[in-house]
Amino acid sequence: MKIGEVARQTGVSVRSLRHYEAEGLIEPGRCENGYRDYCTPTVDRVRQVHGLIEAGLPTRIIRDVLPHLGASALPTEVVDQLAKQKAQLDHRIDVLSRNRDALAAYLAAVA
C-alpha cells in the first residue's frame, strides 16, 4: 500500500509518516520503483506510534518502548523514562488547570 493510502486510513499526514520513518519508528518496505510499500503490520504500527505521540510521549521514548509492546515487563530504564515523562505531563496538566481556572474566574468577573 502506498503512503497516501496509509495517511488516509490512519489519519496521519504523509509528512508525519516520513518523520516516523526517519526516526526509526516504522520501516516500510520498498517496491521495485523505490516507492514505500506499507503492509498491514506497518499500518498497525503507525496507529500505535500516533497514539503514543497523542498521549504526549516524545519519539525518543517511543523508540525505546516499541520493541517491548506486548511484553509482560519493560526494562527498568524504559520504566524510568516513562515515569519521568508522566511526571512532566502531570506538571503540565497542573499548569493548564490553573490557567483554565484563572480564565474562568476572569470571565465570571467580567460577565
N, C-alpha and C. Protein backbone atom coordinates (compact mmCIF):
# COMPACT_ATOMS: atom_id res chain seq x y z
N MET A 1 0.85 -1.16 0.00
CA MET A 1 0.00 0.00 0.00
C MET A 1 0.91 1.24 0.00
N LYS A 2 0.50 2.26 -0.73
CA LYS A 2 1.31 3.48 -0.84
C LYS A 2 1.08 4.41 0.35
N ILE A 3 1.97 5.35 0.50
CA ILE A 3 1.97 6.24 1.66
C ILE A 3 0.69 7.06 1.77
N GLY A 4 0.14 7.50 0.64
CA GLY A 4 -1.09 8.27 0.66
C GLY A 4 -2.26 7.48 1.21
N GLU A 5 -2.33 6.21 0.85
CA GLU A 5 -3.41 5.35 1.35
C GLU A 5 -3.27 5.14 2.86
N VAL A 6 -2.04 4.96 3.32
CA VAL A 6 -1.81 4.80 4.77
C VAL A 6 -2.24 6.08 5.50
N ALA A 7 -1.90 7.22 4.93
CA ALA A 7 -2.30 8.50 5.53
C ALA A 7 -3.82 8.59 5.64
N ARG A 8 -4.52 8.20 4.58
CA ARG A 8 -5.99 8.24 4.61
C ARG A 8 -6.55 7.27 5.65
N GLN A 9 -6.01 6.07 5.71
CA GLN A 9 -6.53 5.05 6.63
C GLN A 9 -6.27 5.39 8.10
N THR A 10 -5.14 6.02 8.37
CA THR A 10 -4.74 6.24 9.76
C THR A 10 -5.00 7.66 10.26
N GLY A 11 -5.22 8.60 9.34
CA GLY A 11 -5.39 10.00 9.74
C GLY A 11 -4.07 10.67 10.08
N VAL A 12 -2.97 10.04 9.71
CA VAL A 12 -1.63 10.57 9.95
C VAL A 12 -1.14 11.16 8.63
N SER A 13 -0.61 12.37 8.67
CA SER A 13 -0.18 13.02 7.44
C SER A 13 0.99 12.29 6.80
N VAL A 14 1.15 12.47 5.51
CA VAL A 14 2.28 11.89 4.78
C VAL A 14 3.59 12.40 5.38
N ARG A 15 3.61 13.68 5.71
CA ARG A 15 4.81 14.26 6.32
C ARG A 15 5.16 13.55 7.63
N SER A 16 4.14 13.31 8.46
CA SER A 16 4.38 12.61 9.73
C SER A 16 4.86 11.18 9.49
N LEU A 17 4.29 10.51 8.50
CA LEU A 17 4.75 9.15 8.18
C LEU A 17 6.22 9.15 7.81
N ARG A 18 6.62 10.12 7.02
CA ARG A 18 8.05 10.21 6.66
C ARG A 18 8.91 10.50 7.88
N HIS A 19 8.38 11.33 8.79
CA HIS A 19 9.10 11.63 10.03
C HIS A 19 9.23 10.37 10.89
N TYR A 20 8.14 9.60 11.01
CA TYR A 20 8.20 8.35 11.77
C TYR A 20 9.27 7.43 11.21
N GLU A 21 9.34 7.38 9.88
CA GLU A 21 10.35 6.53 9.25
C GLU A 21 11.76 7.05 9.54
N ALA A 22 11.95 8.36 9.43
CA ALA A 22 13.27 8.95 9.70
C ALA A 22 13.70 8.72 11.14
N GLU A 23 12.73 8.69 12.05
CA GLU A 23 13.03 8.46 13.47
C GLU A 23 13.22 6.98 13.80
N GLY A 24 13.00 6.11 12.84
CA GLY A 24 13.17 4.68 13.07
C GLY A 24 11.98 4.04 13.76
N LEU A 25 10.82 4.69 13.73
CA LEU A 25 9.64 4.17 14.40
C LEU A 25 8.85 3.20 13.53
N ILE A 26 8.96 3.35 12.22
CA ILE A 26 8.34 2.43 11.27
C ILE A 26 9.35 2.12 10.18
N GLU A 27 9.17 0.97 9.54
CA GLU A 27 10.06 0.55 8.45
C GLU A 27 9.25 -0.02 7.31
N PRO A 28 8.78 0.85 6.41
CA PRO A 28 8.04 0.31 5.27
C PRO A 28 8.99 -0.40 4.32
N GLY A 29 8.43 -1.35 3.57
CA GLY A 29 9.22 -1.99 2.53
C GLY A 29 9.37 -1.05 1.35
N ARG A 30 10.04 -1.50 0.33
CA ARG A 30 10.21 -0.69 -0.89
C ARG A 30 9.81 -1.53 -2.09
N CYS A 31 9.10 -0.89 -3.01
CA CYS A 31 8.76 -1.53 -4.28
C CYS A 31 9.96 -1.43 -5.21
N GLU A 32 9.89 -2.13 -6.34
CA GLU A 32 10.97 -2.08 -7.31
C GLU A 32 11.27 -0.67 -7.78
N ASN A 33 10.22 0.18 -7.85
CA ASN A 33 10.40 1.54 -8.32
C ASN A 33 10.87 2.49 -7.21
N GLY A 34 11.11 1.98 -6.02
CA GLY A 34 11.60 2.78 -4.91
C GLY A 34 10.53 3.37 -4.02
N TYR A 35 9.26 3.23 -4.41
CA TYR A 35 8.17 3.75 -3.59
C TYR A 35 8.07 2.95 -2.29
N ARG A 36 7.64 3.64 -1.25
CA ARG A 36 7.39 2.95 0.02
C ARG A 36 6.20 2.00 -0.15
N ASP A 37 6.30 0.84 0.49
CA ASP A 37 5.23 -0.15 0.44
C ASP A 37 4.87 -0.51 1.87
N TYR A 38 3.69 -0.07 2.29
CA TYR A 38 3.25 -0.30 3.66
C TYR A 38 2.36 -1.54 3.71
N CYS A 39 2.71 -2.48 4.57
CA CYS A 39 1.90 -3.67 4.76
C CYS A 39 1.05 -3.47 6.01
N THR A 40 0.12 -4.36 6.25
CA THR A 40 -0.82 -4.22 7.37
C THR A 40 -0.10 -4.09 8.72
N PRO A 41 0.93 -4.88 9.03
CA PRO A 41 1.61 -4.69 10.32
C PRO A 41 2.23 -3.29 10.46
N THR A 42 2.71 -2.71 9.36
CA THR A 42 3.28 -1.37 9.43
C THR A 42 2.18 -0.35 9.68
N VAL A 43 1.02 -0.55 9.07
CA VAL A 43 -0.12 0.35 9.30
C VAL A 43 -0.53 0.28 10.77
N ASP A 44 -0.55 -0.92 11.33
CA ASP A 44 -0.87 -1.07 12.76
C ASP A 44 0.17 -0.35 13.61
N ARG A 45 1.42 -0.44 13.23
CA ARG A 45 2.50 0.25 13.97
C ARG A 45 2.31 1.76 13.88
N VAL A 46 1.90 2.27 12.72
CA VAL A 46 1.64 3.71 12.56
C VAL A 46 0.57 4.14 13.56
N ARG A 47 -0.47 3.35 13.69
CA ARG A 47 -1.55 3.68 14.64
C ARG A 47 -1.02 3.69 16.08
N GLN A 48 -0.17 2.72 16.41
CA GLN A 48 0.41 2.68 17.76
C GLN A 48 1.26 3.92 18.02
N VAL A 49 2.13 4.22 17.07
CA VAL A 49 3.03 5.37 17.22
C VAL A 49 2.22 6.64 17.36
N HIS A 50 1.23 6.81 16.50
CA HIS A 50 0.41 8.01 16.54
C HIS A 50 -0.31 8.13 17.89
N GLY A 51 -0.84 7.02 18.39
CA GLY A 51 -1.49 7.04 19.69
C GLY A 51 -0.55 7.43 20.82
N LEU A 52 0.67 6.93 20.77
CA LEU A 52 1.66 7.27 21.80
C LEU A 52 2.06 8.75 21.72
N ILE A 53 2.19 9.26 20.50
CA ILE A 53 2.50 10.68 20.34
C ILE A 53 1.35 11.53 20.84
N GLU A 54 0.12 11.13 20.51
CA GLU A 54 -1.06 11.85 21.00
C GLU A 54 -1.13 11.83 22.53
N ALA A 55 -0.60 10.78 23.14
CA ALA A 55 -0.58 10.68 24.60
C ALA A 55 0.51 11.55 25.22
N GLY A 56 1.33 12.16 24.37
CA GLY A 56 2.34 13.09 24.86
C GLY A 56 3.74 12.53 24.95
N LEU A 57 3.96 11.32 24.46
CA LEU A 57 5.31 10.75 24.53
C LEU A 57 6.16 11.27 23.37
N PRO A 58 7.39 11.67 23.65
CA PRO A 58 8.29 12.07 22.57
C PRO A 58 8.80 10.84 21.80
N THR A 59 9.20 11.06 20.57
CA THR A 59 9.64 9.94 19.73
C THR A 59 10.84 9.20 20.32
N ARG A 60 11.70 9.88 21.05
CA ARG A 60 12.87 9.20 21.62
C ARG A 60 12.44 8.12 22.62
N ILE A 61 11.35 8.37 23.36
CA ILE A 61 10.85 7.38 24.30
C ILE A 61 10.06 6.31 23.56
N ILE A 62 9.29 6.72 22.57
CA ILE A 62 8.52 5.76 21.78
C ILE A 62 9.46 4.74 21.14
N ARG A 63 10.59 5.21 20.64
CA ARG A 63 11.57 4.32 20.02
C ARG A 63 12.04 3.25 21.00
N ASP A 64 12.14 3.60 22.28
CA ASP A 64 12.57 2.65 23.29
C ASP A 64 11.44 1.72 23.73
N VAL A 65 10.20 2.21 23.67
CA VAL A 65 9.06 1.43 24.13
C VAL A 65 8.61 0.41 23.08
N LEU A 66 8.63 0.77 21.82
CA LEU A 66 8.07 -0.07 20.75
C LEU A 66 8.56 -1.52 20.76
N PRO A 67 9.84 -1.77 20.94
CA PRO A 67 10.27 -3.18 20.91
C PRO A 67 9.68 -4.03 22.03
N HIS A 68 9.13 -3.38 23.06
CA HIS A 68 8.64 -4.11 24.22
C HIS A 68 7.12 -4.15 24.31
N LEU A 69 6.42 -3.56 23.33
CA LEU A 69 4.96 -3.60 23.37
C LEU A 69 4.50 -5.05 23.33
N GLY A 70 3.59 -5.36 24.19
CA GLY A 70 3.09 -6.73 24.27
C GLY A 70 3.88 -7.61 25.21
N ALA A 71 5.02 -7.15 25.67
CA ALA A 71 5.82 -7.93 26.63
C ALA A 71 5.20 -7.81 28.02
N SER A 72 5.49 -8.76 28.86
CA SER A 72 4.93 -8.73 30.21
C SER A 72 5.61 -7.71 31.10
N ALA A 73 6.83 -7.30 30.75
CA ALA A 73 7.55 -6.32 31.56
C ALA A 73 8.44 -5.47 30.66
N LEU A 74 8.72 -4.27 31.13
CA LEU A 74 9.61 -3.36 30.41
C LEU A 74 10.94 -3.28 31.15
N PRO A 75 12.03 -3.04 30.43
CA PRO A 75 13.31 -2.83 31.10
C PRO A 75 13.24 -1.63 32.04
N THR A 76 14.01 -1.68 33.10
CA THR A 76 13.99 -0.64 34.13
C THR A 76 14.23 0.74 33.55
N GLU A 77 15.17 0.86 32.61
CA GLU A 77 15.47 2.19 32.06
C GLU A 77 14.28 2.75 31.28
N VAL A 78 13.50 1.89 30.65
CA VAL A 78 12.30 2.35 29.93
C VAL A 78 11.23 2.76 30.93
N VAL A 79 11.07 1.99 32.00
CA VAL A 79 10.11 2.35 33.04
C VAL A 79 10.49 3.70 33.65
N ASP A 80 11.77 3.92 33.89
CA ASP A 80 12.23 5.19 34.45
C ASP A 80 11.92 6.35 33.50
N GLN A 81 12.13 6.14 32.19
CA GLN A 81 11.81 7.18 31.21
C GLN A 81 10.32 7.50 31.23
N LEU A 82 9.50 6.46 31.28
CA LEU A 82 8.05 6.66 31.30
C LEU A 82 7.59 7.37 32.57
N ALA A 83 8.19 7.03 33.69
CA ALA A 83 7.84 7.68 34.96
C ALA A 83 8.21 9.16 34.91
N LYS A 84 9.35 9.47 34.36
CA LYS A 84 9.78 10.87 34.24
C LYS A 84 8.83 11.62 33.31
N GLN A 85 8.46 11.00 32.20
CA GLN A 85 7.55 11.63 31.26
C GLN A 85 6.18 11.87 31.91
N LYS A 86 5.72 10.90 32.69
CA LYS A 86 4.43 11.06 33.38
C LYS A 86 4.49 12.24 34.35
N ALA A 87 5.59 12.37 35.07
CA ALA A 87 5.74 13.49 36.00
C ALA A 87 5.69 14.83 35.25
N GLN A 88 6.33 14.87 34.09
CA GLN A 88 6.29 16.10 33.28
C GLN A 88 4.88 16.39 32.80
N LEU A 89 4.16 15.36 32.38
CA LEU A 89 2.78 15.55 31.94
C LEU A 89 1.90 16.02 33.10
N ASP A 90 2.09 15.42 34.28
CA ASP A 90 1.33 15.83 35.47
C ASP A 90 1.56 17.32 35.76
N HIS A 91 2.80 17.76 35.64
CA HIS A 91 3.13 19.17 35.88
C HIS A 91 2.43 20.06 34.85
N ARG A 92 2.48 19.67 33.58
CA ARG A 92 1.82 20.46 32.54
C ARG A 92 0.32 20.52 32.76
N ILE A 93 -0.27 19.41 33.18
CA ILE A 93 -1.71 19.39 33.46
C ILE A 93 -2.05 20.34 34.61
N ASP A 94 -1.22 20.35 35.66
CA ASP A 94 -1.44 21.26 36.78
C ASP A 94 -1.40 22.72 36.32
N VAL A 95 -0.40 23.06 35.50
CA VAL A 95 -0.28 24.44 34.99
C VAL A 95 -1.48 24.80 34.13
N LEU A 96 -1.88 23.90 33.24
CA LEU A 96 -3.03 24.16 32.38
C LEU A 96 -4.31 24.30 33.20
N SER A 97 -4.46 23.49 34.23
CA SER A 97 -5.65 23.58 35.08
C SER A 97 -5.71 24.93 35.81
N ARG A 98 -4.57 25.38 36.32
CA ARG A 98 -4.53 26.70 36.98
C ARG A 98 -4.87 27.81 35.99
N ASN A 99 -4.33 27.72 34.78
CA ASN A 99 -4.62 28.73 33.76
C ASN A 99 -6.10 28.73 33.40
N ARG A 100 -6.67 27.54 33.24
CA ARG A 100 -8.10 27.44 32.93
C ARG A 100 -8.93 28.05 34.05
N ASP A 101 -8.59 27.75 35.30
CA ASP A 101 -9.34 28.29 36.43
C ASP A 101 -9.21 29.82 36.51
N ALA A 102 -8.04 30.33 36.21
CA ALA A 102 -7.84 31.79 36.21
C ALA A 102 -8.68 32.44 35.12
N LEU A 103 -8.71 31.84 33.95
CA LEU A 103 -9.54 32.38 32.87
C LEU A 103 -11.02 32.33 33.21
N ALA A 104 -11.44 31.23 33.80
CA ALA A 104 -12.85 31.11 34.22
C ALA A 104 -13.21 32.17 35.24
N ALA A 105 -12.33 32.42 36.19
CA ALA A 105 -12.58 33.45 37.20
C ALA A 105 -12.65 34.84 36.55
N TYR A 106 -11.76 35.10 35.62
CA TYR A 106 -11.77 36.39 34.91
C TYR A 106 -13.07 36.55 34.13
N LEU A 107 -13.46 35.52 33.40
CA LEU A 107 -14.68 35.60 32.61
C LEU A 107 -15.92 35.78 33.49
N ALA A 108 -15.92 35.12 34.65
CA ALA A 108 -17.04 35.27 35.58
C ALA A 108 -17.09 36.69 36.13
N ALA A 109 -15.93 37.30 36.35
CA ALA A 109 -15.88 38.64 36.90
C ALA A 109 -16.33 39.70 35.90
N VAL A 110 -16.08 39.48 34.63
CA VAL A 110 -16.44 40.48 33.63
C VAL A 110 -17.81 40.24 33.01
N ALA A 111 -18.43 39.11 33.31
CA ALA A 111 -19.73 38.78 32.70
C ALA A 111 -20.89 39.42 33.42
